[in-house]
Amino acid sequence: MNDSNDFKKFCLEHKGAIIGGLIAIIIAFTALRQVLFAILIICVGIWIGNYVQKNKEKVKETLKNLIDKF
């Protein structure tokens, strides 16, 4: 009886890690990781575009300095 209670307590304390592990296994063994990678690339592109739009002068200056170094 004690083993059953210990297992139940373990599952309750670590359910987030267990769920995360199961999701990671599903992603690892399916083509879902390709979709998630594509979504990540799209999000990074959106973030960079937004940053450049809001900081045009800073980006221009940084690129100019970078080009001048070469």
PDB file of N, CA and C in Angstrom:
ATOM      1  N   MET A   1       0.821  -1.183   0.000  1.00  0.00           N
ATOM      2  CA  MET A   1       0.000   0.000   0.000  1.00  0.00           C
ATOM      3  C   MET A   1       0.869   1.253   0.000  1.00  0.00           C
ATOM      4  N   ASN A   2       1.985   1.212   0.677  1.00  0.00           N
ATOM      5  CA  ASN A   2       2.868   2.356   0.798  1.00  0.00           C
ATOM      6  C   ASN A   2       3.497   2.710  -0.545  1.00  0.00           C
ATOM      7  N   ASP A   3       3.836   1.695  -1.360  1.00  0.00           N
ATOM      8  CA  ASP A   3       4.424   1.941  -2.668  1.00  0.00           C
ATOM      9  C   ASP A   3       3.452   2.693  -3.570  1.00  0.00           C
ATOM     10  N   SER A   4       2.178   2.340  -3.504  1.00  0.00           N
ATOM     11  CA  SER A   4       1.162   2.998  -4.310  1.00  0.00           C
ATOM     12  C   SER A   4       1.023   4.470  -3.925  1.00  0.00           C
ATOM     13  N   ASN A   5       1.058   4.744  -2.633  1.00  0.00           N
ATOM     14  CA  ASN A   5       0.959   6.122  -2.159  1.00  0.00           C
ATOM     15  C   ASN A   5       2.199   6.930  -2.553  1.00  0.00           C
ATOM     16  N   ASP A   6       3.370   6.293  -2.479  1.00  0.00           N
ATOM     17  CA  ASP A   6       4.604   6.980  -2.877  1.00  0.00           C
ATOM     18  C   ASP A   6       4.583   7.330  -4.357  1.00  0.00           C
ATOM     19  N   PHE A   7       4.105   6.388  -5.189  1.00  0.00           N
ATOM     20  CA  PHE A   7       4.040   6.641  -6.632  1.00  0.00           C
ATOM     21  C   PHE A   7       3.047   7.759  -6.932  1.00  0.00           C
ATOM     22  N   LYS A   8       1.909   7.740  -6.259  1.00  0.00           N
ATOM     23  CA  LYS A   8       0.897   8.781  -6.465  1.00  0.00           C
ATOM     24  C   LYS A   8       1.447  10.143  -6.044  1.00  0.00           C
ATOM     25  N   LYS A   9       2.150  10.189  -4.918  1.00  0.00           N
ATOM     26  CA  LYS A   9       2.748  11.430  -4.434  1.00  0.00           C
ATOM     27  C   LYS A   9       3.802  11.929  -5.426  1.00  0.00           C
ATOM     28  N   PHE A  10       4.623  11.011  -5.941  1.00  0.00           N
ATOM     29  CA  PHE A  10       5.635  11.373  -6.935  1.00  0.00           C
ATOM     30  C   PHE A  10       4.991  11.967  -8.173  1.00  0.00           C
ATOM     31  N   CYS A  11       3.939  11.322  -8.670  1.00  0.00           N
ATOM     32  CA  CYS A  11       3.247  11.808  -9.869  1.00  0.00           C
ATOM     33  C   CYS A  11       2.635  13.187  -9.644  1.00  0.00           C
ATOM     34  N   LEU A  12       2.060  13.407  -8.482  1.00  0.00           N
ATOM     35  CA  LEU A  12       1.463  14.704  -8.183  1.00  0.00           C
ATOM     36  C   LEU A  12       2.515  15.808  -8.067  1.00  0.00           C
ATOM     37  N   GLU A  13       3.664  15.481  -7.489  1.00  0.00           N
ATOM     38  CA  GLU A  13       4.715  16.480  -7.319  1.00  0.00           C
ATOM     39  C   GLU A  13       5.422  16.811  -8.623  1.00  0.00           C
ATOM     40  N   HIS A  14       5.471  15.860  -9.544  1.00  0.00           N
ATOM     41  CA  HIS A  14       6.249  16.029 -10.765  1.00  0.00           C
ATOM     42  C   HIS A  14       5.388  15.945 -12.035  1.00  0.00           C
ATOM     43  N   LYS A  15       4.103  16.263 -11.927  1.00  0.00           N
ATOM     44  CA  LYS A  15       3.225  16.109 -13.094  1.00  0.00           C
ATOM     45  C   LYS A  15       3.618  17.050 -14.225  1.00  0.00           C
ATOM     46  N   GLY A  16       4.129  18.231 -13.925  1.00  0.00           N
ATOM     47  CA  GLY A  16       4.570  19.152 -14.969  1.00  0.00           C
ATOM     48  C   GLY A  16       5.722  18.576 -15.766  1.00  0.00           C
ATOM     49  N   ALA A  17       6.678  17.983 -15.064  1.00  0.00           N
ATOM     50  CA  ALA A  17       7.828  17.375 -15.735  1.00  0.00           C
ATOM     51  C   ALA A  17       7.404  16.152 -16.550  1.00  0.00           C
ATOM     52  N   ILE A  18       6.473  15.394 -16.031  1.00  0.00           N
ATOM     53  CA  ILE A  18       5.994  14.207 -16.743  1.00  0.00           C
ATOM     54  C   ILE A  18       5.271  14.618 -18.023  1.00  0.00           C
ATOM     55  N   ILE A  19       4.403  15.605 -17.931  1.00  0.00           N
ATOM     56  CA  ILE A  19       3.676  16.089 -19.109  1.00  0.00           C
ATOM     57  C   ILE A  19       4.658  16.673 -20.118  1.00  0.00           C
ATOM     58  N   GLY A  20       5.618  17.466 -19.637  1.00  0.00           N
ATOM     59  CA  GLY A  20       6.627  18.037 -20.526  1.00  0.00           C
ATOM     60  C   GLY A  20       7.436  16.971 -21.229  1.00  0.00           C
ATOM     61  N   GLY A  21       7.795  15.935 -20.507  1.00  0.00           N
ATOM     62  CA  GLY A  21       8.543  14.825 -21.107  1.00  0.00           C
ATOM     63  C   GLY A  21       7.742  14.102 -22.170  1.00  0.00           C
ATOM     64  N   LEU A  22       6.462  13.872 -21.902  1.00  0.00           N
ATOM     65  CA  LEU A  22       5.615  13.209 -22.903  1.00  0.00           C
ATOM     66  C   LEU A  22       5.462  14.068 -24.151  1.00  0.00           C
ATOM     67  N   ILE A  23       5.286  15.364 -23.972  1.00  0.00           N
ATOM     68  CA  ILE A  23       5.180  16.262 -25.125  1.00  0.00           C
ATOM     69  C   ILE A  23       6.490  16.265 -25.911  1.00  0.00           C
ATOM     70  N   ALA A  24       7.628  16.285 -25.212  1.00  0.00           N
ATOM     71  CA  ALA A  24       8.929  16.255 -25.886  1.00  0.00           C
ATOM     72  C   ALA A  24       9.106  14.965 -26.678  1.00  0.00           C
ATOM     73  N   ILE A  25       8.663  13.854 -26.141  1.00  0.00           N
ATOM     74  CA  ILE A  25       8.758  12.577 -26.868  1.00  0.00           C
ATOM     75  C   ILE A  25       7.893  12.611 -28.117  1.00  0.00           C
ATOM     76  N   ILE A  26       6.685  13.138 -28.001  1.00  0.00           N
ATOM     77  CA  ILE A  26       5.795  13.228 -29.163  1.00  0.00           C
ATOM     78  C   ILE A  26       6.416  14.111 -30.238  1.00  0.00           C
ATOM     79  N   ILE A  27       6.969  15.256 -29.831  1.00  0.00           N
ATOM     80  CA  ILE A  27       7.597  16.164 -30.791  1.00  0.00           C
ATOM     81  C   ILE A  27       8.817  15.514 -31.434  1.00  0.00           C
ATOM     82  N   ALA A  28       9.610  14.797 -30.638  1.00  0.00           N
ATOM     83  CA  ALA A  28      10.839  14.191 -31.143  1.00  0.00           C
ATOM     84  C   ALA A  28      10.565  13.102 -32.180  1.00  0.00           C
ATOM     85  N   PHE A  29       9.469  12.392 -32.041  1.00  0.00           N
ATOM     86  CA  PHE A  29       9.219  11.263 -32.926  1.00  0.00           C
ATOM     87  C   PHE A  29       8.169  11.545 -33.993  1.00  0.00           C
ATOM     88  N   THR A  30       7.812  12.771 -34.180  1.00  0.00           N
ATOM     89  CA  THR A  30       6.877  13.130 -35.239  1.00  0.00           C
ATOM     90  C   THR A  30       7.458  14.289 -36.035  1.00  0.00           C
ATOM     91  N   ALA A  31       6.764  14.659 -37.090  1.00  0.00           N
ATOM     92  CA  ALA A  31       7.187  15.787 -37.914  1.00  0.00           C
ATOM     93  C   ALA A  31       6.781  17.111 -37.281  1.00  0.00           C
ATOM     94  N   LEU A  32       6.213  17.061 -36.093  1.00  0.00           N
ATOM     95  CA  LEU A  32       5.774  18.273 -35.417  1.00  0.00           C
ATOM     96  C   LEU A  32       6.939  19.203 -35.120  1.00  0.00           C
ATOM     97  N   ARG A  33       8.134  18.636 -34.917  1.00  0.00           N
ATOM     98  CA  ARG A  33       9.291  19.490 -34.627  1.00  0.00           C
ATOM     99  C   ARG A  33       9.628  20.381 -35.812  1.00  0.00           C
ATOM    100  N   GLN A  34       9.374  19.930 -37.026  1.00  0.00           N
ATOM    101  CA  GLN A  34       9.621  20.762 -38.203  1.00  0.00           C
ATOM    102  C   GLN A  34       8.660  21.941 -38.238  1.00  0.00           C
ATOM    103  N   VAL A  35       7.428  21.701 -37.874  1.00  0.00           N
ATOM    104  CA  VAL A  35       6.436  22.773 -37.832  1.00  0.00           C
ATOM    105  C   VAL A  35       6.806  23.773 -36.742  1.00  0.00           C
ATOM    106  N   LEU A  36       7.179  23.277 -35.569  1.00  0.00           N
ATOM    107  CA  LEU A  36       7.562  24.166 -34.475  1.00  0.00           C
ATOM    108  C   LEU A  36       8.807  24.972 -34.828  1.00  0.00           C
ATOM    109  N   PHE A  37       9.765  24.362 -35.519  1.00  0.00           N
ATOM    110  CA  PHE A  37      10.959  25.080 -35.945  1.00  0.00           C
ATOM    111  C   PHE A  37      10.597  26.171 -36.948  1.00  0.00           C
ATOM    112  N   ALA A  38       9.696  25.878 -37.876  1.00  0.00           N
ATOM    113  CA  ALA A  38       9.259  26.886 -38.842  1.00  0.00           C
ATOM    114  C   ALA A  38       8.555  28.043 -38.140  1.00  0.00           C
ATOM    115  N   ILE A  39       7.715  27.737 -37.162  1.00  0.00           N
ATOM    116  CA  ILE A  39       7.028  28.789 -36.401  1.00  0.00           C
ATOM    117  C   ILE A  39       8.050  29.628 -35.632  1.00  0.00           C
ATOM    118  N   LEU A  40       9.068  28.990 -35.069  1.00  0.00           N
ATOM    119  CA  LEU A  40      10.121  29.709 -34.357  1.00  0.00           C
ATOM    120  C   LEU A  40      10.862  30.663 -35.300  1.00  0.00           C
ATOM    121  N   ILE A  41      11.202  30.204 -36.488  1.00  0.00           N
ATOM    122  CA  ILE A  41      11.889  31.048 -37.471  1.00  0.00           C
ATOM    123  C   ILE A  41      11.014  32.232 -37.849  1.00  0.00           C
ATOM    124  N   ILE A  42       9.732  32.001 -38.045  1.00  0.00           N
ATOM    125  CA  ILE A  42       8.802  33.085 -38.389  1.00  0.00           C
ATOM    126  C   ILE A  42       8.739  34.105 -37.250  1.00  0.00           C
ATOM    127  N   CYS A  43       8.645  33.633 -36.019  1.00  0.00           N
ATOM    128  CA  CYS A  43       8.582  34.544 -34.862  1.00  0.00           C
ATOM    129  C   CYS A  43       9.861  35.363 -34.732  1.00  0.00           C
ATOM    130  N   VAL A  44      11.009  34.744 -34.949  1.00  0.00           N
ATOM    131  CA  VAL A  44      12.275  35.474 -34.885  1.00  0.00           C
ATOM    132  C   VAL A  44      12.318  36.540 -35.981  1.00  0.00           C
ATOM    133  N   GLY A  45      11.859  36.196 -37.170  1.00  0.00           N
ATOM    134  CA  GLY A  45      11.815  37.172 -38.259  1.00  0.00           C
ATOM    135  C   GLY A  45      10.904  38.344 -37.940  1.00  0.00           C
ATOM    136  N   ILE A  46       9.760  38.065 -37.353  1.00  0.00           N
ATOM    137  CA  ILE A  46       8.827  39.128 -36.961  1.00  0.00           C
ATOM    138  C   ILE A  46       9.473  40.020 -35.904  1.00  0.00           C
ATOM    139  N   TRP A  47      10.131  39.406 -34.925  1.00  0.00           N
ATOM    140  CA  TRP A  47      10.773  40.177 -33.865  1.00  0.00           C
ATOM    141  C   TRP A  47      11.887  41.073 -34.420  1.00  0.00           C
ATOM    142  N   ILE A  48      12.708  40.535 -35.316  1.00  0.00           N
ATOM    143  CA  ILE A  48      13.792  41.320 -35.905  1.00  0.00           C
ATOM    144  C   ILE A  48      13.225  42.468 -36.739  1.00  0.00           C
ATOM    145  N   GLY A  49      12.211  42.192 -37.534  1.00  0.00           N
ATOM    146  CA  GLY A  49      11.594  43.244 -38.334  1.00  0.00           C
ATOM    147  C   GLY A  49      11.015  44.350 -37.479  1.00  0.00           C
ATOM    148  N   ASN A  50      10.354  43.991 -36.398  1.00  0.00           N
ATOM    149  CA  ASN A  50       9.782  44.978 -35.491  1.00  0.00           C
ATOM    150  C   ASN A  50      10.880  45.797 -34.818  1.00  0.00           C
ATOM    151  N   TYR A  51      11.958  45.138 -34.400  1.00  0.00           N
ATOM    152  CA  TYR A  51      13.071  45.831 -33.758  1.00  0.00           C
ATOM    153  C   TYR A  51      13.707  46.836 -34.723  1.00  0.00           C
ATOM    154  N   VAL A  52      13.944  46.401 -35.961  1.00  0.00           N
ATOM    155  CA  VAL A  52      14.560  47.286 -36.950  1.00  0.00           C
ATOM    156  C   VAL A  52      13.648  48.480 -37.239  1.00  0.00           C
ATOM    157  N   GLN A  53      12.357  48.239 -37.345  1.00  0.00           N
ATOM    158  CA  GLN A  53      11.419  49.329 -37.626  1.00  0.00           C
ATOM    159  C   GLN A  53      11.422  50.359 -36.499  1.00  0.00           C
ATOM    160  N   LYS A  54      11.473  49.903 -35.255  1.00  0.00           N
ATOM    161  CA  LYS A  54      11.408  50.824 -34.118  1.00  0.00           C
ATOM    162  C   LYS A  54      12.751  51.484 -33.811  1.00  0.00           C
ATOM    163  N   ASN A  55      13.857  50.905 -34.276  1.00  0.00           N
ATOM    164  CA  ASN A  55      15.195  51.421 -33.964  1.00  0.00           C
ATOM    165  C   ASN A  55      15.993  51.651 -35.245  1.00  0.00           C
ATOM    166  N   LYS A  56      15.395  52.313 -36.227  1.00  0.00           N
ATOM    167  CA  LYS A  56      16.025  52.499 -37.531  1.00  0.00           C
ATOM    168  C   LYS A  56      17.390  53.164 -37.425  1.00  0.00           C
ATOM    169  N   GLU A  57      17.469  54.252 -36.708  1.00  0.00           N
ATOM    170  CA  GLU A  57      18.721  55.001 -36.628  1.00  0.00           C
ATOM    171  C   GLU A  57      19.818  54.197 -35.935  1.00  0.00           C
ATOM    172  N   LYS A  58      19.477  53.532 -34.867  1.00  0.00           N
ATOM    173  CA  LYS A  58      20.462  52.725 -34.148  1.00  0.00           C
ATOM    174  C   LYS A  58      20.979  51.590 -35.042  1.00  0.00           C
ATOM    175  N   VAL A  59      20.063  50.938 -35.773  1.00  0.00           N
ATOM    176  CA  VAL A  59      20.457  49.845 -36.658  1.00  0.00           C
ATOM    177  C   VAL A  59      21.320  50.379 -37.795  1.00  0.00           C
ATOM    178  N   LYS A  60      20.953  51.526 -38.370  1.00  0.00           N
ATOM    179  CA  LYS A  60      21.749  52.132 -39.443  1.00  0.00           C
ATOM    180  C   LYS A  60      23.163  52.421 -38.953  1.00  0.00           C
ATOM    181  N   GLU A  61      23.268  53.006 -37.783  1.00  0.00           N
ATOM    182  CA  GLU A  61      24.581  53.357 -37.227  1.00  0.00           C
ATOM    183  C   GLU A  61      25.403  52.106 -36.962  1.00  0.00           C
ATOM    184  N   THR A  62      24.786  51.087 -36.403  1.00  0.00           N
ATOM    185  CA  THR A  62      25.492  49.845 -36.109  1.00  0.00           C
ATOM    186  C   THR A  62      25.976  49.185 -37.395  1.00  0.00           C
ATOM    187  N   LEU A  63      25.120  49.139 -38.414  1.00  0.00           N
ATOM    188  CA  LEU A  63      25.526  48.547 -39.698  1.00  0.00           C
ATOM    189  C   LEU A  63      26.632  49.367 -40.357  1.00  0.00           C
ATOM    190  N   LYS A  64      26.516  50.675 -40.276  1.00  0.00           N
ATOM    191  CA  LYS A  64      27.543  51.548 -40.855  1.00  0.00           C
ATOM    192  C   LYS A  64      28.886  51.301 -40.182  1.00  0.00           C
ATOM    193  N   ASN A  65      28.897  51.224 -38.867  1.00  0.00           N
ATOM    194  CA  ASN A  65      30.148  50.952 -38.122  1.00  0.00           C
ATOM    195  C   ASN A  65      30.710  49.577 -38.464  1.00  0.00           C
ATOM    196  N   LEU A  66      29.825  48.598 -38.608  1.00  0.00           N
ATOM    197  CA  LEU A  66      30.246  47.241 -38.955  1.00  0.00           C
ATOM    198  C   LEU A  66      30.885  47.205 -40.350  1.00  0.00           C
ATOM    199  N   ILE A  67      30.251  47.901 -41.304  1.00  0.00           N
ATOM    200  CA  ILE A  67      30.775  47.939 -42.666  1.00  0.00           C
ATOM    201  C   ILE A  67      32.097  48.691 -42.703  1.00  0.00           C
ATOM    202  N   ASP A  68      32.206  49.753 -41.937  1.00  0.00           N
ATOM    203  CA  ASP A  68      33.452  50.522 -41.908  1.00  0.00           C
ATOM    204  C   ASP A  68      34.617  49.702 -41.360  1.00  0.00           C
ATOM    205  N   LYS A  69      34.341  48.770 -40.462  1.00  0.00           N
ATOM    206  CA  LYS A  69      35.411  47.924 -39.905  1.00  0.00           C
ATOM    207  C   LYS A  69      35.997  47.009 -40.972  1.00  0.00           C
ATOM    208  N   PHE A  70      35.196  46.625 -41.942  1.00  0.00           N
ATOM    209  CA  PHE A  70      35.675  45.737 -42.993  1.00  0.00           C
ATOM    210  C   PHE A  70      36.313  46.568 -44.056  1.00  0.00           C
TER     211      PHE A  70
END
